[in-house]
Amino acid sequence: MNNTLTARVKTMANWTLEDINWSSFDATKVTPELLPLIQTAALVEYNGKDYARYLCEVFAGDAEAETMIRKWADEEVQHGAALAKWAEMANPDYHFGESFAVFTTGYQLPQHVSASVRGSQAGEMLARCVVEAGTSSYYTAISEYTDEPVLKQICKKIAADEFRHYKLFYDYFQHYVKKDSIGMVKRLQIVIGRVMESEDDELAYAFYAACHHKKGETYNRKTCTQDYMFHAFRIYRKMHIQKMTSMIFKAVGLTPHSRLNQWVAVILWQSLQWKSRRVKKA
């Protein structure tokens, strides 16, 4: 791998929990609709080590990629720790350790794999680009939605991290695609497939573990997905969707900020609004 990638890996992790101004926490500015989202996000982010295990199996033999993946996971875990600390400050009924145990017991990634579920190493890096594009936009949306000073600070830092992660995975994708040579059709299939996975068990079960298990409710994926979406959809603005689609277009190999990208962003935004109304009715 080239020296630029090596340098980027070495400069990861540029903040710690001690850099957060926790004393500025303002309970009067905690909005109830954000609590379920932060409680859920804390579980998913903190589970970064599990993702690292899977990715290291996919990229076994590439020592530099494995080093990058482990450092990436360290940052994801830090994100989870920061969000968990804020959530416990904002909601005394939320106990992160208990919720995380429920989440990791009920939801697990594939284990002992020898190849990517995306069909290739390049495909796996492309899927990671999609995820980082989504999370960067998501945390940007939360930081702009909330007026609570500590949460705003945390989410700005996480959004910046996720954008750096996107750029790093993108560079690794460019390296691996020379070997795997996946065409545009396959790239689009990977992107669409990864976007569709946002409604699989991971977020739904994390939401259940964070918000519903203590109530004695039985896990229902459809109900938990709808409940999560009800809270998540309201924080987005059109510009957040446009940013995400531009990043995905670049990763796929299409021109970002093109007219086609603008059309796709509008369609996604309208779809989000339609789903939001549908979930609200449900």
C-alpha atoms as a PDB file:
ATOM      1  CA  MET A   1       0.000   0.000   0.000  1.00  0.00           C
ATOM      2  CA  ASN A   2       1.240   3.543  -0.650  1.00  0.00           C
ATOM      3  CA  ASN A   3       2.756   5.970   1.877  1.00  0.00           C
ATOM      4  CA  THR A   4      -0.292   8.268   1.794  1.00  0.00           C
ATOM      5  CA  LEU A   5      -2.563   5.541   3.156  1.00  0.00           C
ATOM      6  CA  THR A   6      -0.007   4.608   5.797  1.00  0.00           C
ATOM      7  CA  ALA A   7       0.170   8.247   6.919  1.00  0.00           C
ATOM      8  CA  ARG A   8      -3.627   8.493   7.126  1.00  0.00           C
ATOM      9  CA  VAL A   9      -3.827   5.386   9.292  1.00  0.00           C
ATOM     10  CA  LYS A  10      -1.220   6.802  11.680  1.00  0.00           C
ATOM     11  CA  THR A  11      -3.159  10.054  12.133  1.00  0.00           C
ATOM     12  CA  MET A  12      -6.464   8.427  13.113  1.00  0.00           C
ATOM     13  CA  ALA A  13      -7.947   8.982  16.592  1.00  0.00           C
ATOM     14  CA  ASN A  14      -7.505  12.737  17.099  1.00  0.00           C
ATOM     15  CA  TRP A  15      -9.700  13.181  20.172  1.00  0.00           C
ATOM     16  CA  THR A  16     -10.607  11.379  23.394  1.00  0.00           C
ATOM     17  CA  LEU A  17     -13.487  11.476  25.877  1.00  0.00           C
ATOM     18  CA  GLU A  18     -11.424  13.892  27.973  1.00  0.00           C
ATOM     19  CA  ASP A  19     -11.696  16.454  25.175  1.00  0.00           C
ATOM     20  CA  ILE A  20     -15.473  16.641  25.588  1.00  0.00           C
ATOM     21  CA  ASN A  21     -16.699  19.510  27.774  1.00  0.00           C
ATOM     22  CA  TRP A  22     -18.998  17.341  29.887  1.00  0.00           C
ATOM     23  CA  SER A  23     -19.553  20.137  32.418  1.00  0.00           C
ATOM     24  CA  SER A  24     -21.520  22.099  29.803  1.00  0.00           C
ATOM     25  CA  PHE A  25     -24.282  19.466  29.748  1.00  0.00           C
ATOM     26  CA  ASP A  26     -27.694  21.156  29.868  1.00  0.00           C
ATOM     27  CA  ALA A  27     -30.530  18.834  30.847  1.00  0.00           C
ATOM     28  CA  THR A  28     -33.126  21.451  29.885  1.00  0.00           C
ATOM     29  CA  LYS A  29     -32.063  21.136  26.245  1.00  0.00           C
ATOM     30  CA  VAL A  30     -32.373  17.358  26.035  1.00  0.00           C
ATOM     31  CA  THR A  31     -35.138  16.560  23.553  1.00  0.00           C
ATOM     32  CA  PRO A  32     -36.975  13.261  24.197  1.00  0.00           C
ATOM     33  CA  GLU A  33     -37.134  12.331  20.509  1.00  0.00           C
ATOM     34  CA  LEU A  34     -33.323  12.131  20.343  1.00  0.00           C
ATOM     35  CA  LEU A  35     -32.836   9.884  23.366  1.00  0.00           C
ATOM     36  CA  PRO A  36     -33.824   6.615  21.612  1.00  0.00           C
ATOM     37  CA  LEU A  37     -31.532   7.442  18.686  1.00  0.00           C
ATOM     38  CA  ILE A  38     -28.499   8.148  20.865  1.00  0.00           C
ATOM     39  CA  GLN A  39     -29.121   5.118  23.068  1.00  0.00           C
ATOM     40  CA  THR A  40     -29.328   2.944  19.956  1.00  0.00           C
ATOM     41  CA  ALA A  41     -26.307   4.511  18.253  1.00  0.00           C
ATOM     42  CA  ALA A  42     -24.187   3.943  21.356  1.00  0.00           C
ATOM     43  CA  LEU A  43     -24.745   0.177  21.060  1.00  0.00           C
ATOM     44  CA  VAL A  44     -24.011  -0.044  17.332  1.00  0.00           C
ATOM     45  CA  GLU A  45     -20.886   2.118  17.534  1.00  0.00           C
ATOM     46  CA  TYR A  46     -19.511   0.347  20.606  1.00  0.00           C
ATOM     47  CA  ASN A  47     -19.826  -2.952  18.752  1.00  0.00           C
ATOM     48  CA  GLY A  48     -17.016  -1.853  16.413  1.00  0.00           C
ATOM     49  CA  LYS A  49     -14.669  -4.587  17.621  1.00  0.00           C
ATOM     50  CA  ASP A  50     -17.068  -7.223  16.313  1.00  0.00           C
ATOM     51  CA  TYR A  51     -17.048  -5.558  12.904  1.00  0.00           C
ATOM     52  CA  ALA A  52     -13.247  -5.407  13.044  1.00  0.00           C
ATOM     53  CA  ARG A  53     -13.063  -9.155  13.642  1.00  0.00           C
ATOM     54  CA  TYR A  54     -15.189  -9.832  10.573  1.00  0.00           C
ATOM     55  CA  LEU A  55     -13.254  -7.353   8.405  1.00  0.00           C
ATOM     56  CA  CYS A  56      -9.881  -8.679   9.519  1.00  0.00           C
ATOM     57  CA  GLU A  57     -11.006 -12.147   8.459  1.00  0.00           C
ATOM     58  CA  VAL A  58     -12.004 -10.758   5.054  1.00  0.00           C
ATOM     59  CA  PHE A  59      -8.654  -8.970   4.648  1.00  0.00           C
ATOM     60  CA  ALA A  60      -6.485 -11.609   6.297  1.00  0.00           C
ATOM     61  CA  GLY A  61      -2.944 -11.405   4.970  1.00  0.00           C
ATOM     62  CA  ASP A  62      -2.999  -7.648   4.344  1.00  0.00           C
ATOM     63  CA  ALA A  63      -1.225  -6.436   7.479  1.00  0.00           C
ATOM     64  CA  GLU A  64      -1.712  -2.740   6.700  1.00  0.00           C
ATOM     65  CA  ALA A  65      -5.436  -3.144   6.052  1.00  0.00           C
ATOM     66  CA  GLU A  66      -5.809  -5.095   9.294  1.00  0.00           C
ATOM     67  CA  THR A  67      -3.990  -2.340  11.206  1.00  0.00           C
ATOM     68  CA  MET A  68      -6.275   0.275   9.662  1.00  0.00           C
ATOM     69  CA  ILE A  69      -9.364  -1.781  10.518  1.00  0.00           C
ATOM     70  CA  ARG A  70      -8.364  -2.169  14.164  1.00  0.00           C
ATOM     71  CA  LYS A  71      -7.675   1.553  14.525  1.00  0.00           C
ATOM     72  CA  TRP A  72     -10.994   2.295  12.839  1.00  0.00           C
ATOM     73  CA  ALA A  73     -12.714  -0.004  15.331  1.00  0.00           C
ATOM     74  CA  ASP A  74     -11.025   1.795  18.243  1.00  0.00           C
ATOM     75  CA  GLU A  75     -12.585   5.039  17.054  1.00  0.00           C
ATOM     76  CA  GLU A  76     -15.988   3.405  16.630  1.00  0.00           C
ATOM     77  CA  VAL A  77     -15.813   2.081  20.192  1.00  0.00           C
ATOM     78  CA  GLN A  78     -14.884   5.562  21.408  1.00  0.00           C
ATOM     79  CA  HIS A  79     -17.923   6.941  19.599  1.00  0.00           C
ATOM     80  CA  GLY A  80     -20.078   4.430  21.409  1.00  0.00           C
ATOM     81  CA  ALA A  81     -18.524   5.251  24.774  1.00  0.00           C
ATOM     82  CA  ALA A  82     -19.095   8.988  24.293  1.00  0.00           C
ATOM     83  CA  LEU A  83     -22.704   8.510  23.200  1.00  0.00           C
ATOM     84  CA  ALA A  84     -23.333   6.064  26.044  1.00  0.00           C
ATOM     85  CA  LYS A  85     -21.992   8.484  28.644  1.00  0.00           C
ATOM     86  CA  TRP A  86     -24.185  11.268  27.278  1.00  0.00           C
ATOM     87  CA  ALA A  87     -27.237   8.993  27.147  1.00  0.00           C
ATOM     88  CA  GLU A  88     -26.793   7.944  30.772  1.00  0.00           C
ATOM     89  CA  MET A  89     -26.480  11.602  31.769  1.00  0.00           C
ATOM     90  CA  ALA A  90     -29.605  12.512  29.810  1.00  0.00           C
ATOM     91  CA  ASN A  91     -31.676   9.489  30.808  1.00  0.00           C
ATOM     92  CA  PRO A  92     -31.070   7.931  34.255  1.00  0.00           C
ATOM     93  CA  ASP A  93     -33.200   4.929  33.252  1.00  0.00           C
ATOM     94  CA  TYR A  94     -30.765   3.987  30.487  1.00  0.00           C
ATOM     95  CA  HIS A  95     -28.088   1.499  31.533  1.00  0.00           C
ATOM     96  CA  PHE A  96     -25.641   1.056  28.691  1.00  0.00           C
ATOM     97  CA  GLY A  97     -23.926  -2.080  29.968  1.00  0.00           C
ATOM     98  CA  GLU A  98     -27.191  -3.948  30.350  1.00  0.00           C
ATOM     99  CA  SER A  99     -28.477  -2.844  26.940  1.00  0.00           C
ATOM    100  CA  PHE A 100     -25.203  -3.725  25.223  1.00  0.00           C
ATOM    101  CA  ALA A 101     -25.296  -7.239  26.680  1.00  0.00           C
ATOM    102  CA  VAL A 102     -28.836  -7.716  25.336  1.00  0.00           C
ATOM    103  CA  PHE A 103     -27.819  -6.369  21.924  1.00  0.00           C
ATOM    104  CA  THR A 104     -24.719  -8.526  21.458  1.00  0.00           C
ATOM    105  CA  THR A 105     -26.561 -11.621  22.654  1.00  0.00           C
ATOM    106  CA  GLY A 106     -29.425 -11.157  20.219  1.00  0.00           C
ATOM    107  CA  TYR A 107     -27.521  -9.843  17.202  1.00  0.00           C
ATOM    108  CA  GLN A 108     -24.211 -11.170  15.888  1.00  0.00           C
ATOM    109  CA  LEU A 109     -22.232 -10.687  12.707  1.00  0.00           C
ATOM    110  CA  PRO A 110     -21.035 -13.649  10.592  1.00  0.00           C
ATOM    111  CA  GLN A 111     -18.150 -15.473  12.254  1.00  0.00           C
ATOM    112  CA  HIS A 112     -15.144 -17.351  10.896  1.00  0.00           C
ATOM    113  CA  VAL A 113     -15.605 -16.183   7.306  1.00  0.00           C
ATOM    114  CA  SER A 114     -13.027 -16.648   4.566  1.00  0.00           C
ATOM    115  CA  ALA A 115     -14.501 -14.148   2.111  1.00  0.00           C
ATOM    116  CA  SER A 116     -16.610 -11.002   2.082  1.00  0.00           C
ATOM    117  CA  VAL A 117     -20.380 -11.313   1.951  1.00  0.00           C
ATOM    118  CA  ARG A 118     -20.100  -8.665  -0.803  1.00  0.00           C
ATOM    119  CA  GLY A 119     -18.325 -11.134  -3.081  1.00  0.00           C
ATOM    120  CA  SER A 120     -14.899  -9.475  -3.093  1.00  0.00           C
ATOM    121  CA  GLN A 121     -12.536  -7.385  -0.987  1.00  0.00           C
ATOM    122  CA  ALA A 122     -13.181  -4.372  -3.216  1.00  0.00           C
ATOM    123  CA  GLY A 123     -16.906  -4.890  -2.718  1.00  0.00           C
ATOM    124  CA  GLU A 124     -16.420  -4.919   1.056  1.00  0.00           C
ATOM    125  CA  MET A 125     -14.519  -1.630   0.955  1.00  0.00           C
ATOM    126  CA  LEU A 126     -17.256  -0.120  -1.222  1.00  0.00           C
ATOM    127  CA  ALA A 127     -19.905  -1.237   1.272  1.00  0.00           C
ATOM    128  CA  ARG A 128     -17.909   0.419   4.053  1.00  0.00           C
ATOM    129  CA  CYS A 129     -17.871   3.648   2.021  1.00  0.00           C
ATOM    130  CA  VAL A 130     -21.665   3.525   1.870  1.00  0.00           C
ATOM    131  CA  VAL A 131     -21.896   3.054   5.638  1.00  0.00           C
ATOM    132  CA  GLU A 132     -19.466   5.872   6.413  1.00  0.00           C
ATOM    133  CA  ALA A 133     -21.278   8.203   3.992  1.00  0.00           C
ATOM    134  CA  GLY A 134     -24.508   7.453   5.811  1.00  0.00           C
ATOM    135  CA  THR A 135     -23.124   7.836   9.330  1.00  0.00           C
ATOM    136  CA  SER A 136     -21.269  11.048   8.512  1.00  0.00           C
ATOM    137  CA  SER A 137     -24.512  12.566   7.247  1.00  0.00           C
ATOM    138  CA  TYR A 138     -26.488  11.108  10.167  1.00  0.00           C
ATOM    139  CA  TYR A 139     -24.318  12.576  12.901  1.00  0.00           C
ATOM    140  CA  THR A 140     -24.133  15.880  11.064  1.00  0.00           C
ATOM    141  CA  ALA A 141     -27.934  15.918  11.051  1.00  0.00           C
ATOM    142  CA  ILE A 142     -28.089  15.216  14.794  1.00  0.00           C
ATOM    143  CA  SER A 143     -25.484  17.877  15.604  1.00  0.00           C
ATOM    144  CA  GLU A 144     -27.550  20.453  13.718  1.00  0.00           C
ATOM    145  CA  TYR A 145     -30.845  19.275  15.197  1.00  0.00           C
ATOM    146  CA  THR A 146     -29.880  19.370  18.871  1.00  0.00           C
ATOM    147  CA  ASP A 147     -29.312  22.429  21.036  1.00  0.00           C
ATOM    148  CA  GLU A 148     -27.737  20.413  23.856  1.00  0.00           C
ATOM    149  CA  PRO A 149     -24.083  21.586  23.922  1.00  0.00           C
ATOM    150  CA  VAL A 150     -22.413  18.277  24.814  1.00  0.00           C
ATOM    151  CA  LEU A 151     -24.347  16.189  22.312  1.00  0.00           C
ATOM    152  CA  LYS A 152     -23.666  18.787  19.620  1.00  0.00           C
ATOM    153  CA  GLN A 153     -19.935  18.612  20.357  1.00  0.00           C
ATOM    154  CA  ILE A 154     -19.876  14.807  20.381  1.00  0.00           C
ATOM    155  CA  CYS A 155     -21.802  14.452  17.130  1.00  0.00           C
ATOM    156  CA  LYS A 156     -19.658  17.011  15.317  1.00  0.00           C
ATOM    157  CA  LYS A 157     -16.559  15.046  16.281  1.00  0.00           C
ATOM    158  CA  ILE A 158     -18.115  11.730  15.275  1.00  0.00           C
ATOM    159  CA  ALA A 159     -19.311  13.135  11.937  1.00  0.00           C
ATOM    160  CA  ALA A 160     -15.773  14.355  11.198  1.00  0.00           C
ATOM    161  CA  ASP A 161     -14.365  10.936  12.112  1.00  0.00           C
ATOM    162  CA  GLU A 162     -16.857   9.154   9.869  1.00  0.00           C
ATOM    163  CA  PHE A 163     -15.934  11.419   6.966  1.00  0.00           C
ATOM    164  CA  ARG A 164     -12.237  10.587   7.465  1.00  0.00           C
ATOM    165  CA  HIS A 165     -13.178   6.904   7.614  1.00  0.00           C
ATOM    166  CA  TYR A 166     -15.047   7.271   4.341  1.00  0.00           C
ATOM    167  CA  LYS A 167     -11.992   8.762   2.656  1.00  0.00           C
ATOM    168  CA  LEU A 168      -9.766   6.019   4.025  1.00  0.00           C
ATOM    169  CA  PHE A 169     -12.069   3.192   2.926  1.00  0.00           C
ATOM    170  CA  TYR A 170     -12.436   4.914  -0.448  1.00  0.00           C
ATOM    171  CA  ASP A 171      -8.665   4.906  -0.944  1.00  0.00           C
ATOM    172  CA  TYR A 172      -8.481   1.241   0.001  1.00  0.00           C
ATOM    173  CA  PHE A 173     -11.342   0.538  -2.396  1.00  0.00           C
ATOM    174  CA  GLN A 174      -9.352   2.181  -5.188  1.00  0.00           C
ATOM    175  CA  HIS A 175      -6.461  -0.137  -4.358  1.00  0.00           C
ATOM    176  CA  TYR A 176      -8.513  -3.333  -4.232  1.00  0.00           C
ATOM    177  CA  VAL A 177     -10.661  -2.609  -7.270  1.00  0.00           C
ATOM    178  CA  LYS A 178      -7.534  -2.862  -9.416  1.00  0.00           C
ATOM    179  CA  LYS A 179      -7.341  -6.492  -8.367  1.00  0.00           C
ATOM    180  CA  ASP A 180     -11.029  -7.410  -8.185  1.00  0.00           C
ATOM    181  CA  SER A 181     -12.193  -5.353 -11.193  1.00  0.00           C
ATOM    182  CA  ILE A 182     -15.863  -5.076 -10.232  1.00  0.00           C
ATOM    183  CA  GLY A 183     -17.899  -3.273 -12.874  1.00  0.00           C
ATOM    184  CA  MET A 184     -20.498  -0.549 -12.499  1.00  0.00           C
ATOM    185  CA  VAL A 185     -23.450  -2.953 -12.365  1.00  0.00           C
ATOM    186  CA  LYS A 186     -21.880  -4.921  -9.527  1.00  0.00           C
ATOM    187  CA  ARG A 187     -20.951  -1.711  -7.706  1.00  0.00           C
ATOM    188  CA  LEU A 188     -24.522  -0.473  -7.884  1.00  0.00           C
ATOM    189  CA  GLN A 189     -25.798  -3.845  -6.653  1.00  0.00           C
ATOM    190  CA  ILE A 190     -23.480  -3.635  -3.648  1.00  0.00           C
ATOM    191  CA  VAL A 191     -24.559  -0.075  -2.862  1.00  0.00           C
ATOM    192  CA  ILE A 192     -28.272  -0.816  -3.138  1.00  0.00           C
ATOM    193  CA  GLY A 193     -27.872  -4.010  -1.126  1.00  0.00           C
ATOM    194  CA  ARG A 194     -26.030  -2.198   1.673  1.00  0.00           C
ATOM    195  CA  VAL A 195     -28.596   0.602   1.769  1.00  0.00           C
ATOM    196  CA  MET A 196     -31.388  -1.969   2.033  1.00  0.00           C
ATOM    197  CA  GLU A 197     -29.605  -3.557   4.987  1.00  0.00           C
ATOM    198  CA  SER A 198     -30.394  -0.445   7.017  1.00  0.00           C
ATOM    199  CA  GLU A 199     -33.746  -2.109   7.649  1.00  0.00           C
ATOM    200  CA  ASP A 200     -32.301  -5.452   8.733  1.00  0.00           C
ATOM    201  CA  ASP A 201     -31.994  -6.742  12.294  1.00  0.00           C
ATOM    202  CA  GLU A 202     -28.985  -4.695  13.386  1.00  0.00           C
ATOM    203  CA  LEU A 203     -30.613  -1.298  13.930  1.00  0.00           C
ATOM    204  CA  ALA A 204     -33.961  -2.823  14.826  1.00  0.00           C
ATOM    205  CA  TYR A 205     -32.467  -5.072  17.502  1.00  0.00           C
ATOM    206  CA  ALA A 206     -30.203  -2.311  18.790  1.00  0.00           C
ATOM    207  CA  PHE A 207     -33.284  -0.116  19.159  1.00  0.00           C
ATOM    208  CA  TYR A 208     -35.053  -2.933  20.986  1.00  0.00           C
ATOM    209  CA  ALA A 209     -32.108  -3.501  23.322  1.00  0.00           C
ATOM    210  CA  ALA A 210     -31.733   0.226  23.997  1.00  0.00           C
ATOM    211  CA  CYS A 211     -35.375   1.156  24.443  1.00  0.00           C
ATOM    212  CA  HIS A 212     -37.734  -1.804  24.797  1.00  0.00           C
ATOM    213  CA  HIS A 213     -36.187  -4.840  26.467  1.00  0.00           C
ATOM    214  CA  LYS A 214     -36.603  -3.435  29.992  1.00  0.00           C
ATOM    215  CA  LYS A 215     -40.327  -3.088  29.341  1.00  0.00           C
ATOM    216  CA  GLY A 216     -40.595  -6.840  28.943  1.00  0.00           C
ATOM    217  CA  GLU A 217     -41.612  -6.584  25.306  1.00  0.00           C
ATOM    218  CA  THR A 218     -40.897  -9.351  22.802  1.00  0.00           C
ATOM    219  CA  TYR A 219     -38.640  -8.357  19.914  1.00  0.00           C
ATOM    220  CA  ASN A 220     -40.526  -7.608  16.711  1.00  0.00           C
ATOM    221  CA  ARG A 221     -38.346  -6.433  13.828  1.00  0.00           C
ATOM    222  CA  LYS A 222     -41.107  -4.636  11.940  1.00  0.00           C
ATOM    223  CA  THR A 223     -42.323  -2.731  14.989  1.00  0.00           C
ATOM    224  CA  CYS A 224     -38.819  -1.798  16.135  1.00  0.00           C
ATOM    225  CA  THR A 225     -37.824  -0.692  12.630  1.00  0.00           C
ATOM    226  CA  GLN A 226     -40.886   1.531  12.372  1.00  0.00           C
ATOM    227  CA  ASP A 227     -40.285   2.948  15.841  1.00  0.00           C
ATOM    228  CA  TYR A 228     -36.644   3.682  15.047  1.00  0.00           C
ATOM    229  CA  MET A 229     -37.534   5.315  11.721  1.00  0.00           C
ATOM    230  CA  PHE A 230     -40.210   7.433  13.413  1.00  0.00           C
ATOM    231  CA  HIS A 231     -37.483   9.024  15.516  1.00  0.00           C
ATOM    232  CA  ALA A 232     -34.691   9.070  12.923  1.00  0.00           C
ATOM    233  CA  PHE A 233     -36.493  10.504   9.925  1.00  0.00           C
ATOM    234  CA  ARG A 234     -37.435  13.750  11.612  1.00  0.00           C
ATOM    235  CA  ILE A 235     -33.837  14.901  12.103  1.00  0.00           C
ATOM    236  CA  TYR A 236     -32.853  14.831   8.419  1.00  0.00           C
ATOM    237  CA  ARG A 237     -32.862  17.777   6.069  1.00  0.00           C
ATOM    238  CA  LYS A 238     -32.563  17.653   2.296  1.00  0.00           C
ATOM    239  CA  MET A 239     -28.945  18.821   2.379  1.00  0.00           C
ATOM    240  CA  HIS A 240     -27.960  15.814   4.498  1.00  0.00           C
ATOM    241  CA  ILE A 241     -29.327  13.441   1.869  1.00  0.00           C
ATOM    242  CA  GLN A 242     -27.558  15.379  -0.885  1.00  0.00           C
ATOM    243  CA  LYS A 243     -24.254  15.104   0.956  1.00  0.00           C
ATOM    244  CA  MET A 244     -24.684  11.372   1.417  1.00  0.00           C
ATOM    245  CA  THR A 245     -25.597  10.691  -2.215  1.00  0.00           C
ATOM    246  CA  SER A 246     -22.637  12.751  -3.442  1.00  0.00           C
ATOM    247  CA  MET A 247     -20.263  10.653  -1.334  1.00  0.00           C
ATOM    248  CA  ILE A 248     -21.822   7.421  -2.565  1.00  0.00           C
ATOM    249  CA  PHE A 249     -21.689   8.598  -6.188  1.00  0.00           C
ATOM    250  CA  LYS A 250     -17.974   9.272  -5.824  1.00  0.00           C
ATOM    251  CA  ALA A 251     -17.369   5.847  -4.292  1.00  0.00           C
ATOM    252  CA  VAL A 252     -19.253   4.081  -7.076  1.00  0.00           C
ATOM    253  CA  GLY A 253     -17.342   5.962  -9.768  1.00  0.00           C
ATOM    254  CA  LEU A 254     -20.078   8.366 -10.848  1.00  0.00           C
ATOM    255  CA  THR A 255     -19.754  12.143 -10.927  1.00  0.00           C
ATOM    256  CA  PRO A 256     -20.758  13.701  -7.606  1.00  0.00           C
ATOM    257  CA  HIS A 257     -22.768  16.949  -7.728  1.00  0.00           C
ATOM    258  CA  SER A 258     -23.989  15.987 -11.215  1.00  0.00           C
ATOM    259  CA  ARG A 259     -27.561  16.391 -12.410  1.00  0.00           C
ATOM    260  CA  LEU A 260     -28.054  12.644 -12.007  1.00  0.00           C
ATOM    261  CA  ASN A 261     -26.898  12.897  -8.413  1.00  0.00           C
ATOM    262  CA  GLN A 262     -29.329  15.754  -7.811  1.00  0.00           C
ATOM    263  CA  TRP A 263     -32.183  13.667  -9.200  1.00  0.00           C
ATOM    264  CA  VAL A 264     -31.255  10.683  -7.035  1.00  0.00           C
ATOM    265  CA  ALA A 265     -31.011  12.908  -3.947  1.00  0.00           C
ATOM    266  CA  VAL A 266     -34.473  14.355  -4.649  1.00  0.00           C
ATOM    267  CA  ILE A 267     -35.954  10.883  -5.125  1.00  0.00           C
ATOM    268  CA  LEU A 268     -34.365   9.655  -1.885  1.00  0.00           C
ATOM    269  CA  TRP A 269     -35.539  12.744  -0.024  1.00  0.00           C
ATOM    270  CA  GLN A 270     -39.097  12.320  -1.293  1.00  0.00           C
ATOM    271  CA  SER A 271     -38.950   8.619  -0.409  1.00  0.00           C
ATOM    272  CA  LEU A 272     -37.797   9.531   3.095  1.00  0.00           C
ATOM    273  CA  GLN A 273     -40.669  11.977   3.475  1.00  0.00           C
ATOM    274  CA  TRP A 274     -43.152   9.369   2.229  1.00  0.00           C
ATOM    275  CA  LYS A 275     -41.805   6.750   4.645  1.00  0.00           C
ATOM    276  CA  SER A 276     -41.895   9.293   7.462  1.00  0.00           C
ATOM    277  CA  ARG A 277     -45.595   9.976   6.879  1.00  0.00           C
ATOM    278  CA  ARG A 278     -46.304   6.260   6.580  1.00  0.00           C
ATOM    279  CA  VAL A 279     -44.455   5.427   9.806  1.00  0.00           C
ATOM    280  CA  LYS A 280     -46.172   8.287  11.629  1.00  0.00           C
ATOM    281  CA  LYS A 281     -49.558   6.868  10.669  1.00  0.00           C
ATOM    282  CA  ALA A 282     -48.484   3.397  11.801  1.00  0.00           C
END
